[in-house]
Amino acid sequence: MEPIQVWFVGILSFLAGWGLSLFLLKEVFRRKELKIKTLEEKLYGRKGIENAARPHRKPHRGKIHTGSTKPHRHFQG
């Protein structure tokens, strides 16, 4: 091959490499944004943060109190 052709092919491959890497970067960021959006949906519901009064609390798992909630009668003489 002549030197001009080699130079031309080199520039073309360089540009193609840059284009590919930029495209991949964009895809990765798009995926991350999607993941972030789904996380927000989990916290605040589908309508978004604006309509959410508060993050939804998880219900208690298991009892808080076991047994009587009355105060102990130890101190009454």
N, C-alpha and C. Protein backbone atom coordinates (compact mmCIF):
# COMPACT_ATOMS: atom_id res chain seq x y z
N MET A 1 0.84 -1.20 0.00
CA MET A 1 0.00 0.00 0.00
C MET A 1 0.87 1.24 0.00
N GLU A 2 0.32 2.28 -0.61
CA GLU A 2 1.05 3.55 -0.64
C GLU A 2 0.90 4.26 0.71
N PRO A 3 1.84 5.14 1.01
CA PRO A 3 1.80 5.83 2.31
C PRO A 3 0.49 6.61 2.54
N ILE A 4 -0.05 7.20 1.48
CA ILE A 4 -1.27 8.00 1.64
C ILE A 4 -2.42 7.10 2.10
N GLN A 5 -2.51 5.92 1.49
CA GLN A 5 -3.58 4.98 1.87
C GLN A 5 -3.41 4.52 3.32
N VAL A 6 -2.19 4.25 3.73
CA VAL A 6 -1.92 3.81 5.11
C VAL A 6 -2.40 4.90 6.07
N TRP A 7 -2.05 6.14 5.77
CA TRP A 7 -2.41 7.29 6.61
C TRP A 7 -3.94 7.40 6.72
N PHE A 8 -4.59 7.26 5.56
CA PHE A 8 -6.04 7.38 5.50
C PHE A 8 -6.72 6.28 6.35
N VAL A 9 -6.23 5.04 6.19
CA VAL A 9 -6.80 3.92 6.94
C VAL A 9 -6.56 4.12 8.45
N GLY A 10 -5.40 4.63 8.79
CA GLY A 10 -5.09 4.89 10.20
C GLY A 10 -6.07 5.88 10.80
N ILE A 11 -6.32 6.99 10.09
CA ILE A 11 -7.25 8.01 10.59
C ILE A 11 -8.65 7.41 10.70
N LEU A 12 -9.06 6.65 9.69
CA LEU A 12 -10.40 6.05 9.71
C LEU A 12 -10.56 5.12 10.93
N SER A 13 -9.55 4.28 11.16
CA SER A 13 -9.66 3.33 12.28
C SER A 13 -9.66 4.09 13.61
N PHE A 14 -8.87 5.16 13.70
CA PHE A 14 -8.82 5.97 14.91
C PHE A 14 -10.21 6.57 15.21
N LEU A 15 -10.81 7.15 14.16
CA LEU A 15 -12.14 7.73 14.33
C LEU A 15 -13.17 6.67 14.70
N ALA A 16 -13.07 5.50 14.07
CA ALA A 16 -14.02 4.43 14.36
C ALA A 16 -13.88 3.98 15.82
N GLY A 17 -12.66 3.87 16.29
CA GLY A 17 -12.43 3.49 17.68
C GLY A 17 -13.03 4.50 18.64
N TRP A 18 -12.81 5.79 18.36
CA TRP A 18 -13.37 6.83 19.23
C TRP A 18 -14.89 6.77 19.21
N GLY A 19 -15.45 6.62 18.02
CA GLY A 19 -16.91 6.56 17.91
C GLY A 19 -17.49 5.41 18.72
N LEU A 20 -16.85 4.25 18.61
CA LEU A 20 -17.32 3.07 19.33
C LEU A 20 -17.25 3.29 20.84
N SER A 21 -16.12 3.83 21.30
CA SER A 21 -15.96 4.02 22.75
C SER A 21 -16.98 5.03 23.27
N LEU A 22 -17.20 6.11 22.51
CA LEU A 22 -18.19 7.11 22.94
C LEU A 22 -19.58 6.49 22.99
N PHE A 23 -19.90 5.70 21.98
CA PHE A 23 -21.22 5.05 21.94
C PHE A 23 -21.40 4.14 23.16
N LEU A 24 -20.35 3.36 23.47
CA LEU A 24 -20.44 2.46 24.62
C LEU A 24 -20.60 3.25 25.92
N LEU A 25 -19.86 4.35 26.04
CA LEU A 25 -19.99 5.18 27.24
C LEU A 25 -21.42 5.69 27.39
N LYS A 26 -21.99 6.17 26.28
CA LYS A 26 -23.37 6.67 26.32
C LYS A 26 -24.32 5.58 26.78
N GLU A 27 -24.14 4.36 26.24
CA GLU A 27 -25.00 3.25 26.62
C GLU A 27 -24.90 2.96 28.11
N VAL A 28 -23.65 2.93 28.62
CA VAL A 28 -23.44 2.64 30.04
C VAL A 28 -24.16 3.68 30.90
N PHE A 29 -24.00 4.98 30.55
CA PHE A 29 -24.64 6.03 31.33
C PHE A 29 -26.16 5.91 31.24
N ARG A 30 -26.67 5.57 30.06
CA ARG A 30 -28.12 5.42 29.90
C ARG A 30 -28.63 4.31 30.81
N ARG A 31 -27.88 3.19 30.87
CA ARG A 31 -28.28 2.08 31.74
C ARG A 31 -28.29 2.53 33.19
N LYS A 32 -27.25 3.28 33.59
CA LYS A 32 -27.18 3.75 34.98
C LYS A 32 -28.37 4.64 35.30
N GLU A 33 -28.73 5.54 34.36
CA GLU A 33 -29.87 6.43 34.58
C GLU A 33 -31.14 5.61 34.76
N LEU A 34 -31.30 4.57 33.95
CA LEU A 34 -32.48 3.71 34.08
C LEU A 34 -32.53 3.08 35.46
N LYS A 35 -31.37 2.58 35.93
CA LYS A 35 -31.33 1.96 37.25
C LYS A 35 -31.70 2.97 38.32
N ILE A 36 -31.17 4.19 38.20
CA ILE A 36 -31.48 5.23 39.19
C ILE A 36 -32.97 5.54 39.17
N LYS A 37 -33.55 5.63 37.97
CA LYS A 37 -34.98 5.92 37.87
C LYS A 37 -35.81 4.82 38.54
N THR A 38 -35.43 3.56 38.34
CA THR A 38 -36.21 2.49 38.95
C THR A 38 -36.07 2.55 40.47
N LEU A 39 -34.90 2.93 40.95
CA LEU A 39 -34.73 3.07 42.40
C LEU A 39 -35.66 4.16 42.94
N GLU A 40 -35.73 5.30 42.23
CA GLU A 40 -36.62 6.37 42.65
C GLU A 40 -38.06 5.89 42.65
N GLU A 41 -38.43 5.11 41.63
CA GLU A 41 -39.79 4.59 41.57
C GLU A 41 -40.07 3.70 42.77
N LYS A 42 -39.09 2.88 43.15
CA LYS A 42 -39.29 2.01 44.31
C LYS A 42 -39.54 2.83 45.56
N LEU A 43 -38.79 3.92 45.70
CA LEU A 43 -38.93 4.72 46.93
C LEU A 43 -40.20 5.55 46.93
N TYR A 44 -40.50 6.17 45.81
CA TYR A 44 -41.56 7.18 45.81
C TYR A 44 -42.78 6.80 44.97
N GLY A 45 -42.79 5.62 44.38
CA GLY A 45 -43.90 5.25 43.54
C GLY A 45 -43.73 5.79 42.13
N ARG A 46 -44.63 5.40 41.23
CA ARG A 46 -44.46 5.72 39.81
C ARG A 46 -44.66 7.19 39.51
N LYS A 47 -45.39 7.91 40.38
CA LYS A 47 -45.73 9.29 40.05
C LYS A 47 -44.56 10.25 40.27
N GLY A 48 -43.53 9.75 40.93
CA GLY A 48 -42.35 10.59 41.07
C GLY A 48 -42.26 11.25 42.43
N ILE A 49 -41.16 11.97 42.62
CA ILE A 49 -40.87 12.57 43.92
C ILE A 49 -41.85 13.69 44.25
N GLU A 50 -42.33 14.40 43.21
CA GLU A 50 -43.17 15.58 43.46
C GLU A 50 -44.43 15.20 44.23
N ASN A 51 -45.04 14.06 43.85
CA ASN A 51 -46.32 13.69 44.45
C ASN A 51 -46.15 12.88 45.73
N ALA A 52 -44.92 12.54 46.08
CA ALA A 52 -44.74 11.69 47.25
C ALA A 52 -44.66 12.54 48.50
N ALA A 53 -45.55 12.28 49.45
CA ALA A 53 -45.51 13.01 50.70
C ALA A 53 -44.30 12.58 51.52
N ARG A 54 -44.04 11.28 51.52
CA ARG A 54 -42.90 10.74 52.24
C ARG A 54 -42.51 9.42 51.58
N PRO A 55 -41.30 8.97 51.79
CA PRO A 55 -40.95 7.64 51.32
C PRO A 55 -41.81 6.61 52.05
N HIS A 56 -42.20 5.58 51.34
CA HIS A 56 -43.06 4.58 51.97
C HIS A 56 -42.25 3.80 52.99
N ARG A 57 -42.78 3.73 54.21
CA ARG A 57 -42.09 3.00 55.25
C ARG A 57 -42.40 1.51 55.12
N LYS A 58 -41.42 0.74 55.45
CA LYS A 58 -41.66 -0.71 55.44
C LYS A 58 -42.48 -1.05 56.67
N PRO A 59 -43.42 -1.96 56.58
CA PRO A 59 -44.17 -2.38 57.76
C PRO A 59 -43.24 -3.11 58.73
N HIS A 60 -43.58 -3.06 60.02
CA HIS A 60 -42.76 -3.73 61.02
C HIS A 60 -42.82 -5.23 60.80
N ARG A 61 -41.67 -5.86 60.86
CA ARG A 61 -41.65 -7.31 60.80
C ARG A 61 -41.51 -7.82 62.23
N GLY A 62 -42.46 -8.60 62.69
CA GLY A 62 -42.42 -9.09 64.05
C GLY A 62 -43.05 -8.09 65.00
N LYS A 63 -43.25 -8.54 66.22
CA LYS A 63 -43.92 -7.70 67.21
C LYS A 63 -42.93 -6.70 67.80
N ILE A 64 -43.46 -5.54 68.16
CA ILE A 64 -42.65 -4.60 68.91
C ILE A 64 -42.70 -5.00 70.38
N HIS A 65 -43.94 -5.21 70.89
CA HIS A 65 -44.11 -5.60 72.29
C HIS A 65 -44.40 -7.09 72.36
N THR A 66 -43.82 -7.73 73.31
CA THR A 66 -44.22 -9.10 73.61
C THR A 66 -44.72 -9.09 75.04
N GLY A 67 -45.93 -9.50 75.25
CA GLY A 67 -46.47 -9.52 76.60
C GLY A 67 -47.19 -8.22 76.92
N SER A 68 -47.29 -7.93 78.20
CA SER A 68 -48.12 -6.83 78.67
C SER A 68 -47.44 -5.49 78.40
N THR A 69 -48.25 -4.47 78.09
CA THR A 69 -47.71 -3.14 77.88
C THR A 69 -47.97 -2.26 79.11
N LYS A 70 -48.63 -2.83 80.13
CA LYS A 70 -48.90 -2.04 81.34
C LYS A 70 -47.61 -1.86 82.13
N PRO A 71 -47.51 -0.76 82.87
CA PRO A 71 -46.30 -0.58 83.69
C PRO A 71 -46.22 -1.63 84.80
N HIS A 72 -45.03 -1.98 85.16
CA HIS A 72 -44.86 -3.01 86.17
C HIS A 72 -45.28 -2.50 87.53
N ARG A 73 -45.80 -3.39 88.35
CA ARG A 73 -46.37 -2.99 89.64
C ARG A 73 -45.39 -3.20 90.79
N HIS A 74 -44.10 -3.23 90.47
CA HIS A 74 -43.11 -3.53 91.50
C HIS A 74 -43.06 -2.44 92.56
N PHE A 75 -43.28 -1.19 92.13
CA PHE A 75 -42.97 -0.08 93.02
C PHE A 75 -44.18 0.34 93.85
N GLN A 76 -45.30 -0.34 93.68
CA GLN A 76 -46.46 0.02 94.49
C GLN A 76 -46.42 -0.83 95.77
N GLY A 77 -46.22 -0.12 96.92
CA GLY A 77 -46.01 -0.80 98.19
C GLY A 77 -47.11 -1.67 98.59
